[in-house]
Amino acid sequence: MAEPELIPLMEAAKRLRVSRMTMNRLVREGRFTIYSNPLDRRQRLISAKELAEVAKPVPESELKIAA
């Protein structure tokens, strides 16, 4: 099985065009699987494939409207 392409959390935030704080919130909410860099345990990584799936546009008709 191939290793997933992993990118740093800050790079993921740039790709999603969100702030560092928003990215950290998304991680806390469990929307991404976090990996640690074996060479630098302080750096957190996420799967580029997982990021691409989250970044897909969703039609407004599929959005849940909170009443």
N, C-alpha and C. Protein backbone atom coordinates (compact mmCIF):
# COMPACT_ATOMS: atom_id res chain seq x y z
N MET A 1 0.85 -1.18 0.00
CA MET A 1 0.00 0.00 0.00
C MET A 1 0.89 1.24 0.00
N ALA A 2 0.56 2.19 -0.84
CA ALA A 2 1.38 3.40 -0.98
C ALA A 2 1.17 4.33 0.21
N GLU A 3 2.24 5.02 0.55
CA GLU A 3 2.17 6.00 1.63
C GLU A 3 1.35 7.20 1.15
N PRO A 4 0.48 7.74 2.01
CA PRO A 4 -0.28 8.92 1.59
C PRO A 4 0.62 10.15 1.51
N GLU A 5 0.30 11.05 0.58
CA GLU A 5 1.05 12.31 0.51
C GLU A 5 0.61 13.16 1.70
N LEU A 6 1.55 13.53 2.54
CA LEU A 6 1.25 14.32 3.73
C LEU A 6 1.79 15.73 3.56
N ILE A 7 0.99 16.70 4.00
CA ILE A 7 1.41 18.09 3.92
C ILE A 7 1.28 18.73 5.30
N PRO A 8 2.12 19.74 5.58
CA PRO A 8 2.04 20.42 6.86
C PRO A 8 0.70 21.13 7.04
N LEU A 9 0.28 21.27 8.27
CA LEU A 9 -1.00 21.89 8.60
C LEU A 9 -1.10 23.30 8.02
N MET A 10 -0.03 24.07 8.06
CA MET A 10 -0.07 25.43 7.53
C MET A 10 -0.26 25.43 6.01
N GLU A 11 0.34 24.49 5.33
CA GLU A 11 0.14 24.37 3.88
C GLU A 11 -1.32 24.01 3.59
N ALA A 12 -1.89 23.15 4.40
CA ALA A 12 -3.30 22.78 4.24
C ALA A 12 -4.20 24.00 4.43
N ALA A 13 -3.88 24.82 5.42
CA ALA A 13 -4.66 26.04 5.67
C ALA A 13 -4.59 26.97 4.45
N LYS A 14 -3.43 27.09 3.86
CA LYS A 14 -3.28 27.94 2.66
C LYS A 14 -4.09 27.40 1.50
N ARG A 15 -4.09 26.08 1.32
CA ARG A 15 -4.84 25.47 0.22
C ARG A 15 -6.35 25.66 0.40
N LEU A 16 -6.81 25.62 1.66
CA LEU A 16 -8.24 25.82 1.93
C LEU A 16 -8.61 27.30 2.02
N ARG A 17 -7.57 28.15 2.06
CA ARG A 17 -7.75 29.60 2.22
C ARG A 17 -8.47 29.93 3.53
N VAL A 18 -7.97 29.31 4.60
CA VAL A 18 -8.48 29.59 5.94
C VAL A 18 -7.31 29.96 6.84
N SER A 19 -7.63 30.53 7.99
CA SER A 19 -6.59 30.93 8.93
C SER A 19 -6.05 29.71 9.68
N ARG A 20 -4.93 29.91 10.33
CA ARG A 20 -4.32 28.86 11.15
C ARG A 20 -5.28 28.44 12.26
N MET A 21 -5.97 29.41 12.86
CA MET A 21 -6.91 29.11 13.94
C MET A 21 -8.09 28.27 13.44
N THR A 22 -8.60 28.59 12.26
CA THR A 22 -9.69 27.81 11.69
C THR A 22 -9.23 26.39 11.39
N MET A 23 -8.04 26.25 10.87
CA MET A 23 -7.50 24.92 10.58
C MET A 23 -7.36 24.10 11.85
N ASN A 24 -6.87 24.73 12.92
CA ASN A 24 -6.75 24.03 14.20
C ASN A 24 -8.12 23.61 14.73
N ARG A 25 -9.13 24.45 14.53
CA ARG A 25 -10.49 24.12 14.97
C ARG A 25 -11.02 22.91 14.19
N LEU A 26 -10.79 22.90 12.88
CA LEU A 26 -11.22 21.77 12.07
C LEU A 26 -10.56 20.46 12.52
N VAL A 27 -9.31 20.55 12.91
CA VAL A 27 -8.59 19.37 13.42
C VAL A 27 -9.20 18.93 14.75
N ARG A 28 -9.45 19.88 15.65
CA ARG A 28 -10.06 19.55 16.95
C ARG A 28 -11.43 18.90 16.78
N GLU A 29 -12.18 19.35 15.77
CA GLU A 29 -13.51 18.79 15.51
C GLU A 29 -13.44 17.40 14.89
N GLY A 30 -12.24 16.95 14.55
CA GLY A 30 -12.07 15.60 14.02
C GLY A 30 -12.30 15.48 12.52
N ARG A 31 -12.23 16.57 11.80
CA ARG A 31 -12.47 16.52 10.35
C ARG A 31 -11.27 15.98 9.58
N PHE A 32 -10.09 15.94 10.22
CA PHE A 32 -8.89 15.45 9.57
C PHE A 32 -8.15 14.48 10.48
N THR A 33 -7.47 13.51 9.86
CA THR A 33 -6.58 12.63 10.59
C THR A 33 -5.22 13.31 10.64
N ILE A 34 -4.66 13.41 11.81
CA ILE A 34 -3.38 14.10 12.00
C ILE A 34 -2.25 13.09 12.14
N TYR A 35 -1.15 13.36 11.47
CA TYR A 35 0.06 12.54 11.55
C TYR A 35 1.18 13.43 12.10
N SER A 36 2.13 12.83 12.79
CA SER A 36 3.28 13.62 13.24
C SER A 36 4.47 13.33 12.33
N ASN A 37 5.27 14.34 12.11
CA ASN A 37 6.46 14.23 11.28
C ASN A 37 7.50 13.45 12.09
N PRO A 38 8.01 12.34 11.56
CA PRO A 38 9.00 11.57 12.32
C PRO A 38 10.31 12.31 12.56
N LEU A 39 10.60 13.32 11.75
CA LEU A 39 11.83 14.08 11.92
C LEU A 39 11.65 15.30 12.82
N ASP A 40 10.41 15.76 12.97
CA ASP A 40 10.11 16.93 13.80
C ASP A 40 8.73 16.72 14.43
N ARG A 41 8.71 16.22 15.64
CA ARG A 41 7.45 15.87 16.30
C ARG A 41 6.52 17.07 16.52
N ARG A 42 7.06 18.28 16.41
CA ARG A 42 6.22 19.47 16.57
C ARG A 42 5.36 19.74 15.36
N GLN A 43 5.78 19.23 14.21
CA GLN A 43 5.05 19.49 12.97
C GLN A 43 3.92 18.48 12.80
N ARG A 44 2.71 19.01 12.55
CA ARG A 44 1.56 18.15 12.32
C ARG A 44 1.26 18.11 10.83
N LEU A 45 0.91 16.93 10.34
CA LEU A 45 0.69 16.72 8.92
C LEU A 45 -0.71 16.15 8.69
N ILE A 46 -1.27 16.43 7.50
CA ILE A 46 -2.54 15.82 7.13
C ILE A 46 -2.41 15.28 5.71
N SER A 47 -3.28 14.37 5.36
CA SER A 47 -3.28 13.75 4.04
C SER A 47 -3.79 14.74 3.00
N ALA A 48 -3.04 14.88 1.91
CA ALA A 48 -3.45 15.77 0.82
C ALA A 48 -4.74 15.27 0.18
N LYS A 49 -4.91 13.95 0.12
CA LYS A 49 -6.12 13.37 -0.46
C LYS A 49 -7.33 13.71 0.41
N GLU A 50 -7.18 13.59 1.72
CA GLU A 50 -8.26 13.92 2.64
C GLU A 50 -8.62 15.40 2.54
N LEU A 51 -7.62 16.25 2.39
CA LEU A 51 -7.84 17.68 2.24
C LEU A 51 -8.61 17.98 0.95
N ALA A 52 -8.25 17.31 -0.13
CA ALA A 52 -8.92 17.52 -1.41
C ALA A 52 -10.40 17.13 -1.34
N GLU A 53 -10.70 16.07 -0.60
CA GLU A 53 -12.09 15.63 -0.45
C GLU A 53 -12.91 16.66 0.32
N VAL A 54 -12.33 17.26 1.34
CA VAL A 54 -13.03 18.26 2.14
C VAL A 54 -13.23 19.54 1.34
N ALA A 55 -12.30 19.84 0.45
CA ALA A 55 -12.33 21.10 -0.29
C ALA A 55 -13.30 21.08 -1.48
N LYS A 56 -13.91 19.93 -1.76
CA LYS A 56 -14.85 19.86 -2.89
C LYS A 56 -16.07 20.72 -2.61
N PRO A 57 -16.55 21.46 -3.62
CA PRO A 57 -17.75 22.27 -3.43
C PRO A 57 -18.98 21.38 -3.21
N VAL A 58 -19.91 21.89 -2.40
CA VAL A 58 -21.15 21.17 -2.11
C VAL A 58 -22.31 22.04 -2.59
N PRO A 59 -23.22 21.47 -3.38
CA PRO A 59 -24.38 22.25 -3.82
C PRO A 59 -25.20 22.72 -2.62
N GLU A 60 -25.73 23.92 -2.71
CA GLU A 60 -26.50 24.48 -1.60
C GLU A 60 -27.71 23.62 -1.26
N SER A 61 -28.24 22.92 -2.23
CA SER A 61 -29.39 22.07 -1.96
C SER A 61 -29.06 20.92 -1.02
N GLU A 62 -27.77 20.57 -0.92
CA GLU A 62 -27.36 19.48 -0.04
C GLU A 62 -26.97 19.96 1.35
N LEU A 63 -26.88 21.25 1.55
CA LEU A 63 -26.51 21.78 2.86
C LEU A 63 -27.68 21.66 3.82
N LYS A 64 -27.37 21.33 5.07
CA LYS A 64 -28.41 21.26 6.09
C LYS A 64 -28.66 22.66 6.62
N ILE A 65 -29.90 23.02 6.72
CA ILE A 65 -30.26 24.33 7.24
C ILE A 65 -30.74 24.16 8.68
N ALA A 66 -30.03 24.82 9.58
CA ALA A 66 -30.39 24.74 11.00
C ALA A 66 -31.57 25.69 11.27
N ALA A 67 -32.60 25.15 11.87
CA ALA A 67 -33.79 25.97 12.14
C ALA A 67 -33.75 26.51 13.54
